[in-house]
Amino acid sequence: MKDTELSKPGIGILALVILLIFIPFWESWYGTSLWGLNLYSPAHMDAISDQLRVFKIVLVCAGVFLLLRKSNAIKTVIKSSAARNLVLACC
């Protein structure tokens, strides 16, 4: 079976790193907790906002750790050195 671009392990790692780093950023950019979702009440969402911040920090740290740990796998996916440096600089 031919090795396709999507079957490389670095693609999944790169997607996971992007999700782990940028989803907390996008959620924070919106301004309210969990995109304005009120599970029980606004007071409840305010009470869990501190735990949500810690969870987002853990997600970003996991993404950065994975990026640093698996940078060689990501380098095999992105052939262009300029694009590779851009991805590594943005994340």
Protein backbone atom coordinates (compact mmCIF):
# COMPACT_ATOMS: atom_id res chain seq x y z
CA MET A 1 0.00 0.00 0.00
CA LYS A 2 1.34 3.42 -0.96
CA ASP A 3 2.28 5.84 1.83
CA THR A 4 0.04 8.88 1.36
CA GLU A 5 0.51 12.31 2.86
CA LEU A 6 -2.40 11.88 5.29
CA SER A 7 -1.10 8.60 6.69
CA LYS A 8 2.09 10.13 8.07
CA PRO A 9 2.12 10.26 11.88
CA GLY A 10 3.31 13.86 11.89
CA ILE A 11 0.01 15.08 10.40
CA GLY A 12 -1.96 13.91 13.42
CA ILE A 13 0.61 15.33 15.82
CA LEU A 14 0.57 18.67 14.03
CA ALA A 15 -3.25 18.78 14.09
CA LEU A 16 -3.28 17.91 17.79
CA VAL A 17 -0.71 20.59 18.61
CA ILE A 18 -2.70 23.20 16.69
CA LEU A 19 -5.91 22.22 18.47
CA LEU A 20 -4.30 22.14 21.92
CA ILE A 21 -2.81 25.59 21.48
CA PHE A 22 -5.43 27.48 19.49
CA ILE A 23 -8.76 26.26 20.91
CA PRO A 24 -8.03 27.79 24.35
CA PHE A 25 -6.92 30.97 22.57
CA TRP A 26 -10.13 31.14 20.52
CA GLU A 27 -12.25 30.46 23.60
CA SER A 28 -10.49 33.25 25.51
CA TRP A 29 -10.79 35.62 22.56
CA TYR A 30 -14.59 35.32 22.63
CA GLY A 31 -14.70 37.00 26.04
CA THR A 32 -17.14 34.84 27.98
CA SER A 33 -16.65 31.39 29.44
CA LEU A 34 -17.25 28.57 26.96
CA TRP A 35 -18.54 30.89 24.23
CA GLY A 36 -21.31 32.28 26.43
CA LEU A 37 -22.69 28.91 27.43
CA ASN A 38 -24.65 29.06 30.70
CA LEU A 39 -24.87 25.48 31.96
CA TYR A 40 -26.87 26.21 35.11
CA SER A 41 -26.66 29.94 35.65
CA PRO A 42 -24.29 32.83 35.05
CA ALA A 43 -23.23 32.61 38.70
CA HIS A 44 -22.27 28.95 38.23
CA MET A 45 -20.23 29.77 35.13
CA ASP A 46 -18.49 32.54 37.06
CA ALA A 47 -17.68 30.06 39.82
CA ILE A 48 -16.04 27.59 37.43
CA SER A 49 -14.15 30.21 35.44
CA ASP A 50 -11.01 29.74 37.55
CA GLN A 51 -11.00 25.99 36.93
CA LEU A 52 -11.53 26.68 33.23
CA ARG A 53 -8.48 28.96 33.16
CA VAL A 54 -6.33 26.26 34.77
CA PHE A 55 -7.66 23.72 32.26
CA LYS A 56 -6.79 26.03 29.36
CA ILE A 57 -3.28 26.55 30.73
CA VAL A 58 -2.84 22.77 30.97
CA LEU A 59 -4.02 22.38 27.36
CA VAL A 60 -1.58 25.01 26.09
CA CYS A 61 1.30 23.53 28.11
CA ALA A 62 0.50 20.07 26.72
CA GLY A 63 0.48 21.51 23.18
CA VAL A 64 3.82 23.26 23.66
CA PHE A 65 5.34 20.15 25.24
CA LEU A 66 4.10 18.01 22.35
CA LEU A 67 5.41 20.56 19.86
CA LEU A 68 8.85 20.53 21.41
CA ARG A 69 8.93 16.77 21.95
CA LYS A 70 7.69 15.80 18.48
CA SER A 71 9.25 18.58 16.40
CA ASN A 72 11.14 16.03 14.27
CA ALA A 73 7.86 14.34 13.25
CA ILE A 74 6.42 17.74 12.36
CA LYS A 75 9.54 18.54 10.33
CA THR A 76 8.95 15.46 8.18
CA VAL A 77 5.42 16.66 7.35
CA ILE A 78 6.32 20.24 6.43
CA LYS A 79 8.96 20.15 3.72
CA SER A 80 9.49 23.89 3.27
CA SER A 81 11.83 25.35 5.85
CA ALA A 82 10.06 28.72 5.75
CA ALA A 83 6.66 27.14 6.42
CA ARG A 84 8.14 24.91 9.12
CA ASN A 85 9.73 27.88 10.90
CA LEU A 86 6.44 29.78 10.62
CA VAL A 87 4.50 26.92 12.23
CA LEU A 88 7.05 26.50 14.99
CA ALA A 89 7.13 30.26 15.62
CA CYS A 90 3.33 30.64 15.69
CA CYS A 91 2.79 27.74 18.04
